[in-house]
Amino acid sequence: MVPMQLSLLCTAPIWSNDLRGAGRKMGELTFTCPTTSQEFGTGYRFTAEEFQLVPTPATITVRCKQCRQLHQFKIVVGRIREESH
């Protein structure tokens, strides 16, 4: 089986609005930079429900805001940082 890879270097969201309803909080997908060990946001927002639907082998390639390098992560190792409004 070939691992699934999602390339999210564009700015468009990858998930539909189907799960985003009233009362569902959105959060930004974040990862820890392997170079600086600092957390950085990807600009992609999910609800907790959407995040749980991501297939385990799915990967993402993102440009790190900390070291400015490209990093590849399994999406499931990321975390959703809830936004406060």
Protein backbone atom coordinates (compact mmCIF):
# COMPACT_ATOMS: atom_id res chain seq x y z
CA MET A 1 0.00 0.00 0.00
CA VAL A 2 1.35 3.41 -0.99
CA PRO A 3 1.28 6.00 1.83
CA MET A 4 -1.10 8.88 1.29
CA GLN A 5 0.48 12.29 0.98
CA LEU A 6 -1.31 15.60 1.05
CA SER A 7 0.63 18.56 -0.21
CA LEU A 8 -0.62 21.64 1.60
CA LEU A 9 1.75 24.30 0.39
CA CYS A 10 -1.22 26.15 -1.10
CA THR A 11 -3.49 28.32 0.99
CA ALA A 12 -6.83 26.62 0.26
CA PRO A 13 -8.41 24.53 3.02
CA ILE A 14 -8.51 20.81 2.26
CA TRP A 15 -11.65 19.93 4.21
CA SER A 16 -15.22 20.67 3.32
CA ASN A 17 -17.52 22.69 5.51
CA ASP A 18 -19.78 19.68 6.12
CA LEU A 19 -18.63 19.15 9.72
CA ARG A 20 -18.34 22.80 10.66
CA GLY A 21 -21.50 23.74 12.41
CA ALA A 22 -22.60 25.87 15.29
CA GLY A 23 -20.82 24.95 18.49
CA ARG A 24 -17.86 23.26 16.78
CA LYS A 25 -14.63 25.03 17.62
CA MET A 26 -11.97 25.37 14.97
CA GLY A 27 -8.29 25.15 15.74
CA GLU A 28 -5.07 25.53 13.80
CA LEU A 29 -3.03 22.47 12.85
CA THR A 30 0.41 22.82 14.45
CA PHE A 31 3.63 20.82 14.50
CA THR A 32 6.93 20.97 16.37
CA CYS A 33 9.89 22.02 14.23
CA PRO A 34 12.49 19.22 14.28
CA THR A 35 15.28 21.81 13.98
CA THR A 36 14.27 24.37 16.64
CA SER A 37 11.87 22.26 18.75
CA GLN A 38 9.41 25.17 18.62
CA GLU A 39 5.76 24.79 17.70
CA PHE A 40 4.55 26.44 14.50
CA GLY A 41 1.14 26.85 12.93
CA THR A 42 0.35 25.70 9.43
CA GLY A 43 -2.53 28.05 8.70
CA TYR A 44 -4.91 25.10 8.25
CA ARG A 45 -7.90 24.94 10.55
CA PHE A 46 -9.88 21.90 11.58
CA THR A 47 -12.51 20.94 14.08
CA ALA A 48 -11.58 18.08 16.43
CA GLU A 49 -14.07 15.92 14.52
CA GLU A 50 -12.41 16.66 11.17
CA PHE A 51 -8.94 15.99 12.58
CA GLN A 52 -10.04 12.54 13.76
CA LEU A 53 -11.10 11.68 10.19
CA VAL A 54 -7.59 12.16 8.76
CA PRO A 55 -6.21 8.77 7.68
CA THR A 56 -3.27 7.64 9.85
CA PRO A 57 -0.75 7.30 6.99
CA ALA A 58 -1.55 10.73 5.50
CA THR A 59 1.42 13.07 5.42
CA ILE A 60 1.78 16.79 4.92
CA THR A 61 4.67 18.86 3.65
CA VAL A 62 4.76 22.36 5.13
CA ARG A 63 7.16 25.27 5.22
CA CYS A 64 8.19 25.84 8.82
CA LYS A 65 7.65 29.34 10.18
CA GLN A 66 10.50 28.81 12.66
CA CYS A 67 13.41 27.68 10.44
CA ARG A 68 11.86 28.33 7.00
CA GLN A 69 12.66 24.81 5.78
CA LEU A 70 10.23 22.27 4.34
CA HIS A 71 9.28 19.49 6.75
CA GLN A 72 7.17 16.42 6.17
CA PHE A 73 4.99 15.07 8.99
CA LYS A 74 2.34 12.44 9.46
CA ILE A 75 -0.73 14.60 10.01
CA VAL A 76 -1.76 12.58 13.07
CA VAL A 77 1.38 13.71 14.96
CA GLY A 78 0.21 17.31 14.68
CA ARG A 79 -1.98 18.98 17.22
CA ILE A 80 -4.98 21.27 16.95
CA ARG A 81 -4.45 24.51 18.85
CA GLU A 82 -7.88 25.89 19.70
CA GLU A 83 -8.41 29.51 18.81
CA SER A 84 -9.90 31.81 21.39
CA HIS A 85 -12.36 34.43 20.20
